[in-house]
Amino acid sequence: MPNATISDVARLAGVSTSSVSNLLNGRSQRMRASTRDRIQEVIDRLGYTPNQAARQLKTGHSSMIGLIVPSVANPFFGIFARHVEEAALEHGYQVLLGNSNRDPEREYRYAEELWRSGVRSIIFGTSLGQYQHLSELIDRGMNIVAFDQSEAPGTTTPIDCIGVDNVQASRLLTKHIIALGHRRIGFISGPIVTVSRKDRLLGYRQSLEEAKLVFDPTLIWEGVSENFGDTSSIKLGRLGAHELLCLPEPPTAIITINDMYAFGVYAGARDLGIGIPDGVSVAGIDNISLSEIVVPPLTTIQQPIREIARLAVERLVARIEGQRDIPPEHRLLPPELIVRESTAPPKTKH
């Protein structure tokens, strides 16, 4: 049938238009299988496709949301993107993904292009401390949820912040390593300028202070990258390991800003003939799938990534569908320590 409508599909399938809409938008979990099959048969027979332009005119918004992450070169952000997509589909939305390398100008170009395409809501996973580069779009009505961000200073319009408690994440790791008997504990990261990295360094320092251990700045390695190091994490972790493990008094344990840096430390330790954990204990953050299959399996922090993605999408959908005046939410979820074989008591005493 040329120019078939959703009403045509509903009439021929003997269901309501809302039932057809639920199927088209991935909300048919509670629908009887026979009903789903009947609707799908009519859709296929009529060659019906939903008119997204018409939907946008009717509802005032696109069926798309944006997702801007630093780089899917880090598998963590690929996993996060998958969970965001799953949550979005449950609400009838699709996801447009961009990699920003944490570049404010690139973020603005992505956001501006999304705005022109009718997209009014974006999840940002970049952890930048300021959002002035997006203030014009926010003033126009762009909805933003910031992931991995404890707060969004410098803005007066609503920006929701949902992520993990990064201070607590590194506190858990550091306290675990201190409890094993380590007293010289290194910290390897790219440039510590984002909110999440500052928070993770803060948690490390707080735990040292609570244990009455002296903070040694020579044990902090921030990388040599011109940018944030998101696309070269393993390389930077390897370089950091070379430098810290060649100190006159090297650390007996190293905490890294994420699992990818930890894998780089594995490579650097191997280059130097140092075993893990016999020569140095290593711990990361993120618990990506590779963490449990490297040798030895990596001690790390599990982020509630699926829950973060779900909450971020739900917050956007609430704003898209009429709740723009609700107060901004700053919500940090608890991390979980995953202890594996990469951490053990030190072989040397200090």
C-alpha atoms as a PDB file:
ATOM      1  CA  MET A   1       0.000   0.000   0.000  1.00  0.00           C
ATOM      2  CA  PRO A   2       1.635   3.293  -1.056  1.00  0.00           C
ATOM      3  CA  ASN A   3       1.987   5.917   1.697  1.00  0.00           C
ATOM      4  CA  ALA A   4       0.740   3.507   4.341  1.00  0.00           C
ATOM      5  CA  THR A   5       0.255   5.057   7.767  1.00  0.00           C
ATOM      6  CA  ILE A   6       0.550   3.726  11.282  1.00  0.00           C
ATOM      7  CA  SER A   7      -3.249   3.788  11.420  1.00  0.00           C
ATOM      8  CA  ASP A   8      -3.381   1.489   8.387  1.00  0.00           C
ATOM      9  CA  VAL A   9      -1.056  -0.960  10.120  1.00  0.00           C
ATOM     10  CA  ALA A  10      -3.099  -0.848  13.328  1.00  0.00           C
ATOM     11  CA  ARG A  11      -6.406  -1.345  11.491  1.00  0.00           C
ATOM     12  CA  LEU A  12      -5.226  -4.329   9.445  1.00  0.00           C
ATOM     13  CA  ALA A  13      -3.486  -5.931  12.432  1.00  0.00           C
ATOM     14  CA  GLY A  14      -6.506  -5.368  14.664  1.00  0.00           C
ATOM     15  CA  VAL A  15      -4.552  -3.461  17.327  1.00  0.00           C
ATOM     16  CA  SER A  16      -4.220   0.111  18.573  1.00  0.00           C
ATOM     17  CA  THR A  17      -1.773   2.571  17.056  1.00  0.00           C
ATOM     18  CA  SER A  18       0.051   2.641  20.408  1.00  0.00           C
ATOM     19  CA  SER A  19       0.718  -1.092  20.077  1.00  0.00           C
ATOM     20  CA  VAL A  20       2.262  -0.524  16.648  1.00  0.00           C
ATOM     21  CA  SER A  21       4.318   2.351  18.054  1.00  0.00           C
ATOM     22  CA  ASN A  22       5.544   0.193  20.921  1.00  0.00           C
ATOM     23  CA  LEU A  23       6.748  -2.469  18.510  1.00  0.00           C
ATOM     24  CA  LEU A  24       8.463   0.061  16.245  1.00  0.00           C
ATOM     25  CA  ASN A  25      10.204   1.689  19.192  1.00  0.00           C
ATOM     26  CA  GLY A  26      11.431  -1.470  20.893  1.00  0.00           C
ATOM     27  CA  ARG A  27       8.850  -1.468  23.680  1.00  0.00           C
ATOM     28  CA  SER A  28       7.127  -4.758  22.901  1.00  0.00           C
ATOM     29  CA  GLN A  29       8.559  -6.897  25.709  1.00  0.00           C
ATOM     30  CA  ARG A  30       5.160  -7.312  27.380  1.00  0.00           C
ATOM     31  CA  MET A  31       3.288  -7.862  24.124  1.00  0.00           C
ATOM     32  CA  ARG A  32       2.093 -11.349  23.213  1.00  0.00           C
ATOM     33  CA  ALA A  33       4.292 -13.038  20.642  1.00  0.00           C
ATOM     34  CA  SER A  34       1.279 -13.651  18.397  1.00  0.00           C
ATOM     35  CA  THR A  35       0.418  -9.926  18.473  1.00  0.00           C
ATOM     36  CA  ARG A  36       4.001  -8.937  17.666  1.00  0.00           C
ATOM     37  CA  ASP A  37       4.053 -11.382  14.762  1.00  0.00           C
ATOM     38  CA  ARG A  38       0.727 -10.106  13.418  1.00  0.00           C
ATOM     39  CA  ILE A  39       1.814  -6.471  13.518  1.00  0.00           C
ATOM     40  CA  GLN A  40       5.171  -7.283  11.933  1.00  0.00           C
ATOM     41  CA  GLU A  41       3.470  -9.256   9.142  1.00  0.00           C
ATOM     42  CA  VAL A  42       1.284  -6.247   8.284  1.00  0.00           C
ATOM     43  CA  ILE A  43       4.288  -3.888   8.410  1.00  0.00           C
ATOM     44  CA  ASP A  44       6.192  -6.150   6.017  1.00  0.00           C
ATOM     45  CA  ARG A  45       3.192  -6.579   3.696  1.00  0.00           C
ATOM     46  CA  LEU A  46       2.533  -2.846   3.464  1.00  0.00           C
ATOM     47  CA  GLY A  47       6.196  -1.906   3.335  1.00  0.00           C
ATOM     48  CA  TYR A  48       5.473   0.595   6.107  1.00  0.00           C
ATOM     49  CA  THR A  49       8.286   2.723   7.535  1.00  0.00           C
ATOM     50  CA  PRO A  50       7.684   5.376  10.211  1.00  0.00           C
ATOM     51  CA  ASN A  51       8.019   8.963   9.076  1.00  0.00           C
ATOM     52  CA  GLN A  52      10.575  10.393  11.477  1.00  0.00           C
ATOM     53  CA  ALA A  53      10.230  13.877  10.048  1.00  0.00           C
ATOM     54  CA  ALA A  54       6.501  13.804  10.775  1.00  0.00           C
ATOM     55  CA  ARG A  55       7.165  12.565  14.282  1.00  0.00           C
ATOM     56  CA  GLN A  56       9.547  15.451  14.856  1.00  0.00           C
ATOM     57  CA  LEU A  57       6.994  17.990  13.643  1.00  0.00           C
ATOM     58  CA  LYS A  58       4.327  16.499  15.884  1.00  0.00           C
ATOM     59  CA  THR A  59       6.376  16.085  19.061  1.00  0.00           C
ATOM     60  CA  GLY A  60       8.818  18.970  18.651  1.00  0.00           C
ATOM     61  CA  HIS A  61      11.879  16.761  19.028  1.00  0.00           C
ATOM     62  CA  SER A  62      13.910  14.207  17.132  1.00  0.00           C
ATOM     63  CA  SER A  63      13.864  10.511  17.939  1.00  0.00           C
ATOM     64  CA  MET A  64      17.651  10.742  18.269  1.00  0.00           C
ATOM     65  CA  ILE A  65      19.898  11.567  21.196  1.00  0.00           C
ATOM     66  CA  GLY A  66      23.592  12.360  20.946  1.00  0.00           C
ATOM     67  CA  LEU A  67      26.431  10.633  22.793  1.00  0.00           C
ATOM     68  CA  ILE A  68      29.854  12.292  22.848  1.00  0.00           C
ATOM     69  CA  VAL A  69      32.721  10.306  24.406  1.00  0.00           C
ATOM     70  CA  PRO A  70      36.491  10.909  24.486  1.00  0.00           C
ATOM     71  CA  SER A  71      37.349   7.908  22.304  1.00  0.00           C
ATOM     72  CA  VAL A  72      36.054   4.387  21.816  1.00  0.00           C
ATOM     73  CA  ALA A  73      39.728   3.397  21.532  1.00  0.00           C
ATOM     74  CA  ASN A  74      39.180   2.776  25.247  1.00  0.00           C
ATOM     75  CA  PRO A  75      36.800  -0.224  25.330  1.00  0.00           C
ATOM     76  CA  PHE A  76      35.131   1.238  28.426  1.00  0.00           C
ATOM     77  CA  PHE A  77      33.484   3.922  26.295  1.00  0.00           C
ATOM     78  CA  GLY A  78      32.439   1.365  23.707  1.00  0.00           C
ATOM     79  CA  ILE A  79      30.692  -0.592  26.460  1.00  0.00           C
ATOM     80  CA  PHE A  80      29.126   2.591  27.810  1.00  0.00           C
ATOM     81  CA  ALA A  81      27.856   3.474  24.319  1.00  0.00           C
ATOM     82  CA  ARG A  82      26.248   0.029  23.985  1.00  0.00           C
ATOM     83  CA  HIS A  83      24.421   0.420  27.300  1.00  0.00           C
ATOM     84  CA  VAL A  84      23.260   3.929  26.351  1.00  0.00           C
ATOM     85  CA  GLU A  85      21.947   2.582  23.046  1.00  0.00           C
ATOM     86  CA  GLU A  86      20.062  -0.251  24.769  1.00  0.00           C
ATOM     87  CA  ALA A  87      18.471   2.153  27.259  1.00  0.00           C
ATOM     88  CA  ALA A  88      17.594   4.643  24.524  1.00  0.00           C
ATOM     89  CA  LEU A  89      15.917   2.011  22.357  1.00  0.00           C
ATOM     90  CA  GLU A  90      13.680   1.036  25.270  1.00  0.00           C
ATOM     91  CA  HIS A  91      12.340   4.599  25.202  1.00  0.00           C
ATOM     92  CA  GLY A  92      12.005   4.744  21.411  1.00  0.00           C
ATOM     93  CA  TYR A  93      15.185   6.732  20.742  1.00  0.00           C
ATOM     94  CA  GLN A  94      18.291   6.029  18.705  1.00  0.00           C
ATOM     95  CA  VAL A  95      21.835   7.200  19.416  1.00  0.00           C
ATOM     96  CA  LEU A  96      24.300   9.208  17.332  1.00  0.00           C
ATOM     97  CA  LEU A  97      27.877   8.694  18.575  1.00  0.00           C
ATOM     98  CA  GLY A  98      30.871  11.009  18.297  1.00  0.00           C
ATOM     99  CA  ASN A  99      34.473  10.885  19.583  1.00  0.00           C
ATOM    100  CA  SER A 100      35.665  14.273  20.816  1.00  0.00           C
ATOM    101  CA  ASN A 101      39.167  13.606  22.174  1.00  0.00           C
ATOM    102  CA  ARG A 102      37.990  15.965  24.942  1.00  0.00           C
ATOM    103  CA  ASP A 103      38.453  18.893  22.547  1.00  0.00           C
ATOM    104  CA  PRO A 104      35.953  21.687  23.423  1.00  0.00           C
ATOM    105  CA  GLU A 105      35.897  23.004  19.855  1.00  0.00           C
ATOM    106  CA  ARG A 106      35.194  19.546  18.479  1.00  0.00           C
ATOM    107  CA  GLU A 107      32.485  19.028  21.095  1.00  0.00           C
ATOM    108  CA  TYR A 108      30.825  22.261  20.065  1.00  0.00           C
ATOM    109  CA  ARG A 109      30.908  21.324  16.360  1.00  0.00           C
ATOM    110  CA  TYR A 110      29.314  17.961  17.124  1.00  0.00           C
ATOM    111  CA  ALA A 111      26.662  19.566  19.332  1.00  0.00           C
ATOM    112  CA  GLU A 112      25.890  22.317  16.801  1.00  0.00           C
ATOM    113  CA  GLU A 113      25.491  19.785  13.984  1.00  0.00           C
ATOM    114  CA  LEU A 114      23.207  17.669  16.154  1.00  0.00           C
ATOM    115  CA  TRP A 115      21.119  20.742  16.928  1.00  0.00           C
ATOM    116  CA  ARG A 116      20.740  21.513  13.225  1.00  0.00           C
ATOM    117  CA  SER A 117      19.573  17.937  12.708  1.00  0.00           C
ATOM    118  CA  GLY A 118      16.836  18.356  15.316  1.00  0.00           C
ATOM    119  CA  VAL A 119      18.621  16.583  18.173  1.00  0.00           C
ATOM    120  CA  ARG A 120      17.960  18.387  21.443  1.00  0.00           C
ATOM    121  CA  SER A 121      19.625  16.098  23.986  1.00  0.00           C
ATOM    122  CA  ILE A 122      23.210  14.899  24.411  1.00  0.00           C
ATOM    123  CA  ILE A 123      25.097  12.744  26.896  1.00  0.00           C
ATOM    124  CA  PHE A 124      28.677  13.962  27.342  1.00  0.00           C
ATOM    125  CA  GLY A 125      31.236  11.502  28.681  1.00  0.00           C
ATOM    126  CA  THR A 126      34.213  13.822  28.471  1.00  0.00           C
ATOM    127  CA  SER A 127      34.600  14.878  32.128  1.00  0.00           C
ATOM    128  CA  LEU A 128      35.643  18.418  31.236  1.00  0.00           C
ATOM    129  CA  GLY A 129      35.435  20.846  34.132  1.00  0.00           C
ATOM    130  CA  GLN A 130      33.648  23.642  32.280  1.00  0.00           C
ATOM    131  CA  TYR A 131      30.811  23.866  29.762  1.00  0.00           C
ATOM    132  CA  GLN A 132      31.057  27.492  28.607  1.00  0.00           C
ATOM    133  CA  HIS A 133      31.752  26.311  25.057  1.00  0.00           C
ATOM    134  CA  LEU A 134      28.228  24.861  25.031  1.00  0.00           C
ATOM    135  CA  SER A 135      26.459  27.709  26.851  1.00  0.00           C
ATOM    136  CA  GLU A 136      24.905  29.106  23.667  1.00  0.00           C
ATOM    137  CA  LEU A 137      23.338  25.754  22.815  1.00  0.00           C
ATOM    138  CA  ILE A 138      22.227  25.222  26.418  1.00  0.00           C
ATOM    139  CA  ASP A 139      20.519  28.625  26.333  1.00  0.00           C
ATOM    140  CA  ARG A 140      18.737  27.597  23.120  1.00  0.00           C
ATOM    141  CA  GLY A 141      17.316  24.551  24.887  1.00  0.00           C
ATOM    142  CA  MET A 142      19.862  21.751  24.472  1.00  0.00           C
ATOM    143  CA  ASN A 143      19.494  19.140  27.230  1.00  0.00           C
ATOM    144  CA  ILE A 144      22.803  17.811  28.560  1.00  0.00           C
ATOM    145  CA  VAL A 145      23.657  14.966  30.892  1.00  0.00           C
ATOM    146  CA  ALA A 146      27.328  14.889  31.882  1.00  0.00           C
ATOM    147  CA  PHE A 147      28.793  11.459  32.626  1.00  0.00           C
ATOM    148  CA  ASP A 148      31.862  11.045  34.857  1.00  0.00           C
ATOM    149  CA  GLN A 149      31.402  14.554  36.204  1.00  0.00           C
ATOM    150  CA  SER A 150      30.824  15.393  39.855  1.00  0.00           C
ATOM    151  CA  GLU A 151      29.416  18.806  38.992  1.00  0.00           C
ATOM    152  CA  ALA A 152      29.149  21.204  36.090  1.00  0.00           C
ATOM    153  CA  PRO A 153      30.511  24.557  37.311  1.00  0.00           C
ATOM    154  CA  GLY A 154      30.198  27.753  35.345  1.00  0.00           C
ATOM    155  CA  THR A 155      26.695  27.180  34.017  1.00  0.00           C
ATOM    156  CA  THR A 156      23.338  28.457  35.197  1.00  0.00           C
ATOM    157  CA  THR A 157      21.077  26.321  32.999  1.00  0.00           C
ATOM    158  CA  PRO A 158      20.276  22.729  33.957  1.00  0.00           C
ATOM    159  CA  ILE A 159      23.019  20.181  33.370  1.00  0.00           C
ATOM    160  CA  ASP A 160      22.493  16.788  34.964  1.00  0.00           C
ATOM    161  CA  CYS A 161      25.587  14.936  36.185  1.00  0.00           C
ATOM    162  CA  ILE A 162      25.476  11.173  36.656  1.00  0.00           C
ATOM    163  CA  GLY A 163      28.491   8.941  37.188  1.00  0.00           C
ATOM    164  CA  VAL A 164      30.566   6.915  39.607  1.00  0.00           C
ATOM    165  CA  ASP A 165      32.110   8.305  42.801  1.00  0.00           C
ATOM    166  CA  ASN A 166      35.678   8.599  41.496  1.00  0.00           C
ATOM    167  CA  VAL A 167      37.114   9.735  44.826  1.00  0.00           C
ATOM    168  CA  GLN A 168      35.741   6.625  46.489  1.00  0.00           C
ATOM    169  CA  ALA A 169      36.945   4.446  43.597  1.00  0.00           C
ATOM    170  CA  SER A 170      40.598   5.339  44.089  1.00  0.00           C
ATOM    171  CA  ARG A 171      40.194   5.303  47.873  1.00  0.00           C
ATOM    172  CA  LEU A 172      39.061   1.680  47.661  1.00  0.00           C
ATOM    173  CA  LEU A 173      42.059   0.749  45.524  1.00  0.00           C
ATOM    174  CA  THR A 174      44.599   2.642  47.611  1.00  0.00           C
ATOM    175  CA  LYS A 175      43.285   1.332  50.940  1.00  0.00           C
ATOM    176  CA  HIS A 176      43.364  -2.220  49.549  1.00  0.00           C
ATOM    177  CA  ILE A 177      47.002  -1.817  48.517  1.00  0.00           C
ATOM    178  CA  ILE A 178      47.979  -0.188  51.807  1.00  0.00           C
ATOM    179  CA  ALA A 179      46.309  -3.057  53.686  1.00  0.00           C
ATOM    180  CA  LEU A 180      48.567  -5.469  51.777  1.00  0.00           C
ATOM    181  CA  GLY A 181      51.589  -3.715  53.313  1.00  0.00           C
ATOM    182  CA  HIS A 182      52.681  -1.357  50.520  1.00  0.00           C
ATOM    183  CA  ARG A 183      54.102   2.013  51.535  1.00  0.00           C
ATOM    184  CA  ARG A 184      55.467   3.374  48.239  1.00  0.00           C
ATOM    185  CA  ILE A 185      52.528   3.481  45.860  1.00  0.00           C
ATOM    186  CA  GLY A 186      52.784   5.022  42.393  1.00  0.00           C
ATOM    187  CA  PHE A 187      49.987   6.700  40.460  1.00  0.00           C
ATOM    188  CA  ILE A 188      50.031   6.708  36.637  1.00  0.00           C
ATOM    189  CA  SER A 189      47.700   8.793  34.472  1.00  0.00           C
ATOM    190  CA  GLY A 190      47.491  11.027  31.466  1.00  0.00           C
ATOM    191  CA  PRO A 191      47.385  14.773  32.236  1.00  0.00           C
ATOM    192  CA  ILE A 192      45.392  15.184  35.456  1.00  0.00           C
ATOM    193  CA  VAL A 193      43.108  17.978  34.285  1.00  0.00           C
ATOM    194  CA  THR A 194      39.684  16.387  33.936  1.00  0.00           C
ATOM    195  CA  VAL A 195      37.229  16.174  36.822  1.00  0.00           C
ATOM    196  CA  SER A 196      37.375  12.373  37.024  1.00  0.00           C
ATOM    197  CA  ARG A 197      41.185  12.267  37.063  1.00  0.00           C
ATOM    198  CA  LYS A 198      41.415  14.978  39.709  1.00  0.00           C
ATOM    199  CA  ASP A 199      38.905  13.064  41.827  1.00  0.00           C
ATOM    200  CA  ARG A 200      40.838   9.806  41.475  1.00  0.00           C
ATOM    201  CA  LEU A 201      44.094  11.500  42.479  1.00  0.00           C
ATOM    202  CA  LEU A 202      42.278  13.079  45.439  1.00  0.00           C
ATOM    203  CA  GLY A 203      41.059   9.686  46.649  1.00  0.00           C
ATOM    204  CA  TYR A 204      44.605   8.316  46.404  1.00  0.00           C
ATOM    205  CA  ARG A 205      45.995  11.227  48.434  1.00  0.00           C
ATOM    206  CA  GLN A 206      43.229  11.005  51.035  1.00  0.00           C
ATOM    207  CA  SER A 207      43.982   7.324  51.636  1.00  0.00           C
ATOM    208  CA  LEU A 208      47.701   7.998  52.026  1.00  0.00           C
ATOM    209  CA  GLU A 209      46.956  10.747  54.521  1.00  0.00           C
ATOM    210  CA  GLU A 210      44.587   8.550  56.524  1.00  0.00           C
ATOM    211  CA  ALA A 211      47.301   5.867  56.690  1.00  0.00           C
ATOM    212  CA  LYS A 212      49.837   8.540  57.755  1.00  0.00           C
ATOM    213  CA  LEU A 213      51.951   7.875  54.667  1.00  0.00           C
ATOM    214  CA  VAL A 214      53.957  10.744  53.206  1.00  0.00           C
ATOM    215  CA  PHE A 215      52.758  11.925  49.808  1.00  0.00           C
ATOM    216  CA  ASP A 216      55.674  11.737  47.371  1.00  0.00           C
ATOM    217  CA  PRO A 217      55.085  13.752  44.155  1.00  0.00           C
ATOM    218  CA  THR A 218      57.843  11.809  42.379  1.00  0.00           C
ATOM    219  CA  LEU A 219      55.505   8.792  42.433  1.00  0.00           C
ATOM    220  CA  ILE A 220      52.863  10.642  40.378  1.00  0.00           C
ATOM    221  CA  TRP A 221      53.290  10.284  36.609  1.00  0.00           C
ATOM    222  CA  GLU A 222      51.014  12.414  34.414  1.00  0.00           C
ATOM    223  CA  GLY A 223      52.198  11.456  30.963  1.00  0.00           C
ATOM    224  CA  VAL A 224      53.911  13.258  28.126  1.00  0.00           C
ATOM    225  CA  SER A 225      50.922  13.516  25.818  1.00  0.00           C
ATOM    226  CA  GLU A 226      49.935  16.810  24.229  1.00  0.00           C
ATOM    227  CA  ASN A 227      46.284  15.915  24.750  1.00  0.00           C
ATOM    228  CA  PHE A 228      44.524  13.710  27.280  1.00  0.00           C
ATOM    229  CA  GLY A 229      46.081  10.426  26.178  1.00  0.00           C
ATOM    230  CA  ASP A 230      42.766   8.659  25.538  1.00  0.00           C
ATOM    231  CA  THR A 231      43.965   7.098  22.286  1.00  0.00           C
ATOM    232  CA  SER A 232      47.421   6.127  23.590  1.00  0.00           C
ATOM    233  CA  SER A 233      46.671   4.866  27.097  1.00  0.00           C
ATOM    234  CA  ILE A 234      48.674   1.621  26.834  1.00  0.00           C
ATOM    235  CA  LYS A 235      51.688   3.448  25.412  1.00  0.00           C
ATOM    236  CA  LEU A 236      51.559   6.038  28.189  1.00  0.00           C
ATOM    237  CA  GLY A 237      51.128   3.403  30.890  1.00  0.00           C
ATOM    238  CA  ARG A 238      54.215   1.656  29.558  1.00  0.00           C
ATOM    239  CA  LEU A 239      56.253   4.874  29.592  1.00  0.00           C
ATOM    240  CA  GLY A 240      55.065   5.655  33.101  1.00  0.00           C
ATOM    241  CA  ALA A 241      56.068   2.216  34.320  1.00  0.00           C
ATOM    242  CA  HIS A 242      59.558   2.623  32.847  1.00  0.00           C
ATOM    243  CA  GLU A 243      60.045   5.912  34.707  1.00  0.00           C
ATOM    244  CA  LEU A 244      58.599   4.951  38.083  1.00  0.00           C
ATOM    245  CA  LEU A 245      60.121   1.475  38.222  1.00  0.00           C
ATOM    246  CA  CYS A 246      63.561   2.876  37.397  1.00  0.00           C
ATOM    247  CA  LEU A 247      63.543   5.345  40.307  1.00  0.00           C
ATOM    248  CA  PRO A 248      66.300   4.839  42.923  1.00  0.00           C
ATOM    249  CA  GLU A 249      63.520   3.788  45.291  1.00  0.00           C
ATOM    250  CA  PRO A 250      60.745   2.490  43.023  1.00  0.00           C
ATOM    251  CA  PRO A 251      57.154   1.909  44.105  1.00  0.00           C
ATOM    252  CA  THR A 252      56.131  -1.583  45.128  1.00  0.00           C
ATOM    253  CA  ALA A 253      52.604  -0.949  43.801  1.00  0.00           C
ATOM    254  CA  ILE A 254      51.101   1.218  41.057  1.00  0.00           C
ATOM    255  CA  ILE A 255      47.546   2.490  40.716  1.00  0.00           C
ATOM    256  CA  THR A 256      46.533   3.584  37.221  1.00  0.00           C
ATOM    257  CA  ILE A 257      43.844   5.994  36.095  1.00  0.00           C
ATOM    258  CA  ASN A 258      42.084   3.194  34.181  1.00  0.00           C
ATOM    259  CA  ASP A 259      42.546  -0.390  33.042  1.00  0.00           C
ATOM    260  CA  MET A 260      44.122   0.554  29.698  1.00  0.00           C
ATOM    261  CA  TYR A 261      46.938   2.340  31.518  1.00  0.00           C
ATOM    262  CA  ALA A 262      47.299  -0.727  33.743  1.00  0.00           C
ATOM    263  CA  PHE A 263      47.859  -2.906  30.675  1.00  0.00           C
ATOM    264  CA  GLY A 264      50.597  -0.485  29.675  1.00  0.00           C
ATOM    265  CA  VAL A 265      52.198  -0.942  33.091  1.00  0.00           C
ATOM    266  CA  TYR A 266      52.098  -4.699  32.513  1.00  0.00           C
ATOM    267  CA  ALA A 267      54.093  -4.166  29.301  1.00  0.00           C
ATOM    268  CA  GLY A 268      56.532  -1.765  30.961  1.00  0.00           C
ATOM    269  CA  ALA A 269      57.170  -4.121  33.865  1.00  0.00           C
ATOM    270  CA  ARG A 270      57.754  -6.968  31.418  1.00  0.00           C
ATOM    271  CA  ASP A 271      60.265  -4.814  29.493  1.00  0.00           C
ATOM    272  CA  LEU A 272      62.211  -4.362  32.733  1.00  0.00           C
ATOM    273  CA  GLY A 273      62.013  -8.008  33.763  1.00  0.00           C
ATOM    274  CA  ILE A 274      59.775  -7.190  36.737  1.00  0.00           C
ATOM    275  CA  GLY A 275      57.026  -9.651  37.596  1.00  0.00           C
ATOM    276  CA  ILE A 276      53.447  -8.827  38.600  1.00  0.00           C
ATOM    277  CA  PRO A 277      52.637  -8.979  41.485  1.00  0.00           C
ATOM    278  CA  ASP A 278      55.994 -10.351  42.780  1.00  0.00           C
ATOM    279  CA  GLY A 279      57.940  -7.286  41.675  1.00  0.00           C
ATOM    280  CA  VAL A 280      55.155  -4.709  41.620  1.00  0.00           C
ATOM    281  CA  SER A 281      51.423  -4.817  42.321  1.00  0.00           C
ATOM    282  CA  VAL A 282      49.190  -3.150  39.721  1.00  0.00           C
ATOM    283  CA  ALA A 283      45.572  -1.955  39.934  1.00  0.00           C
ATOM    284  CA  GLY A 284      43.273  -0.161  37.485  1.00  0.00           C
ATOM    285  CA  ILE A 285      39.785   1.293  37.237  1.00  0.00           C
ATOM    286  CA  ASP A 286      36.869   0.307  34.931  1.00  0.00           C
ATOM    287  CA  ASN A 287      36.868  -3.530  34.961  1.00  0.00           C
ATOM    288  CA  ILE A 288      36.704  -3.842  31.184  1.00  0.00           C
ATOM    289  CA  SER A 289      36.388  -7.413  29.916  1.00  0.00           C
ATOM    290  CA  LEU A 290      40.129  -7.797  29.242  1.00  0.00           C
ATOM    291  CA  SER A 291      40.858  -7.223  32.928  1.00  0.00           C
ATOM    292  CA  GLU A 292      39.924 -10.755  33.939  1.00  0.00           C
ATOM    293  CA  ILE A 293      41.799 -12.517  31.112  1.00  0.00           C
ATOM    294  CA  VAL A 294      45.179 -10.762  31.213  1.00  0.00           C
ATOM    295  CA  VAL A 295      47.919 -12.567  33.118  1.00  0.00           C
ATOM    296  CA  PRO A 296      47.713 -12.067  36.008  1.00  0.00           C
ATOM    297  CA  PRO A 297      44.051 -10.977  36.157  1.00  0.00           C
ATOM    298  CA  LEU A 298      43.822  -7.303  37.106  1.00  0.00           C
ATOM    299  CA  THR A 299      42.612  -5.900  40.409  1.00  0.00           C
ATOM    300  CA  THR A 300      40.305  -3.054  39.440  1.00  0.00           C
ATOM    301  CA  ILE A 301      37.166  -1.061  40.163  1.00  0.00           C
ATOM    302  CA  GLN A 302      33.767  -1.991  38.753  1.00  0.00           C
ATOM    303  CA  GLN A 303      31.685   1.006  37.718  1.00  0.00           C
ATOM    304  CA  PRO A 304      27.896   0.507  37.649  1.00  0.00           C
ATOM    305  CA  ILE A 305      28.047   1.375  33.976  1.00  0.00           C
ATOM    306  CA  ARG A 306      24.707  -0.101  32.895  1.00  0.00           C
ATOM    307  CA  GLU A 307      22.912   1.752  35.693  1.00  0.00           C
ATOM    308  CA  ILE A 308      24.708   5.012  34.867  1.00  0.00           C
ATOM    309  CA  ALA A 309      23.682   4.687  31.211  1.00  0.00           C
ATOM    310  CA  ARG A 310      20.068   3.920  32.167  1.00  0.00           C
ATOM    311  CA  LEU A 311      19.813   6.886  34.523  1.00  0.00           C
ATOM    312  CA  ALA A 312      21.411   9.231  31.994  1.00  0.00           C
ATOM    313  CA  VAL A 313      18.962   8.231  29.269  1.00  0.00           C
ATOM    314  CA  GLU A 314      15.979   8.423  31.601  1.00  0.00           C
ATOM    315  CA  ARG A 315      17.002  11.919  32.650  1.00  0.00           C
ATOM    316  CA  LEU A 316      17.242  13.045  29.031  1.00  0.00           C
ATOM    317  CA  VAL A 317      13.924  11.494  28.108  1.00  0.00           C
ATOM    318  CA  ALA A 318      12.253  13.224  31.068  1.00  0.00           C
ATOM    319  CA  ARG A 319      13.527  16.586  29.851  1.00  0.00           C
ATOM    320  CA  ILE A 320      12.692  15.868  26.196  1.00  0.00           C
ATOM    321  CA  GLU A 321       9.143  14.884  27.016  1.00  0.00           C
ATOM    322  CA  GLY A 322       8.177  17.884  29.095  1.00  0.00           C
ATOM    323  CA  GLN A 323      10.078  18.076  32.377  1.00  0.00           C
ATOM    324  CA  ARG A 324      12.557  20.784  31.437  1.00  0.00           C
ATOM    325  CA  ASP A 325      12.002  22.694  34.671  1.00  0.00           C
ATOM    326  CA  ILE A 326      13.031  19.903  37.038  1.00  0.00           C
ATOM    327  CA  PRO A 327      16.149  20.824  39.067  1.00  0.00           C
ATOM    328  CA  PRO A 328      19.485  19.498  37.769  1.00  0.00           C
ATOM    329  CA  GLU A 329      20.568  16.256  39.370  1.00  0.00           C
ATOM    330  CA  HIS A 330      24.132  15.535  40.531  1.00  0.00           C
ATOM    331  CA  ARG A 331      24.238  11.833  41.323  1.00  0.00           C
ATOM    332  CA  LEU A 332      27.287   9.682  42.061  1.00  0.00           C
ATOM    333  CA  LEU A 333      26.895   5.898  42.225  1.00  0.00           C
ATOM    334  CA  PRO A 334      29.114   3.701  44.429  1.00  0.00           C
ATOM    335  CA  PRO A 335      32.061   1.788  42.919  1.00  0.00           C
ATOM    336  CA  GLU A 336      32.956  -1.825  43.720  1.00  0.00           C
ATOM    337  CA  LEU A 337      36.457  -3.164  44.367  1.00  0.00           C
ATOM    338  CA  ILE A 338      37.302  -6.289  42.341  1.00  0.00           C
ATOM    339  CA  VAL A 339      40.358  -8.011  43.849  1.00  0.00           C
ATOM    340  CA  ARG A 340      42.293 -10.296  41.517  1.00  0.00           C
ATOM    341  CA  GLU A 341      45.832 -11.650  41.270  1.00  0.00           C
ATOM    342  CA  SER A 342      47.701  -8.493  40.204  1.00  0.00           C
ATOM    343  CA  THR A 343      47.964  -7.225  43.786  1.00  0.00           C
ATOM    344  CA  ALA A 344      49.784  -8.974  46.649  1.00  0.00           C
ATOM    345  CA  PRO A 345      51.926  -8.082  49.672  1.00  0.00           C
ATOM    346  CA  PRO A 346      55.279  -6.513  48.737  1.00  0.00           C
ATOM    347  CA  LYS A 347      58.374  -8.717  48.616  1.00  0.00           C
ATOM    348  CA  THR A 348      60.556  -5.897  49.915  1.00  0.00           C
ATOM    349  CA  LYS A 349      60.178  -4.008  53.185  1.00  0.00           C
ATOM    350  CA  HIS A 350      60.430  -0.258  53.689  1.00  0.00           C
END
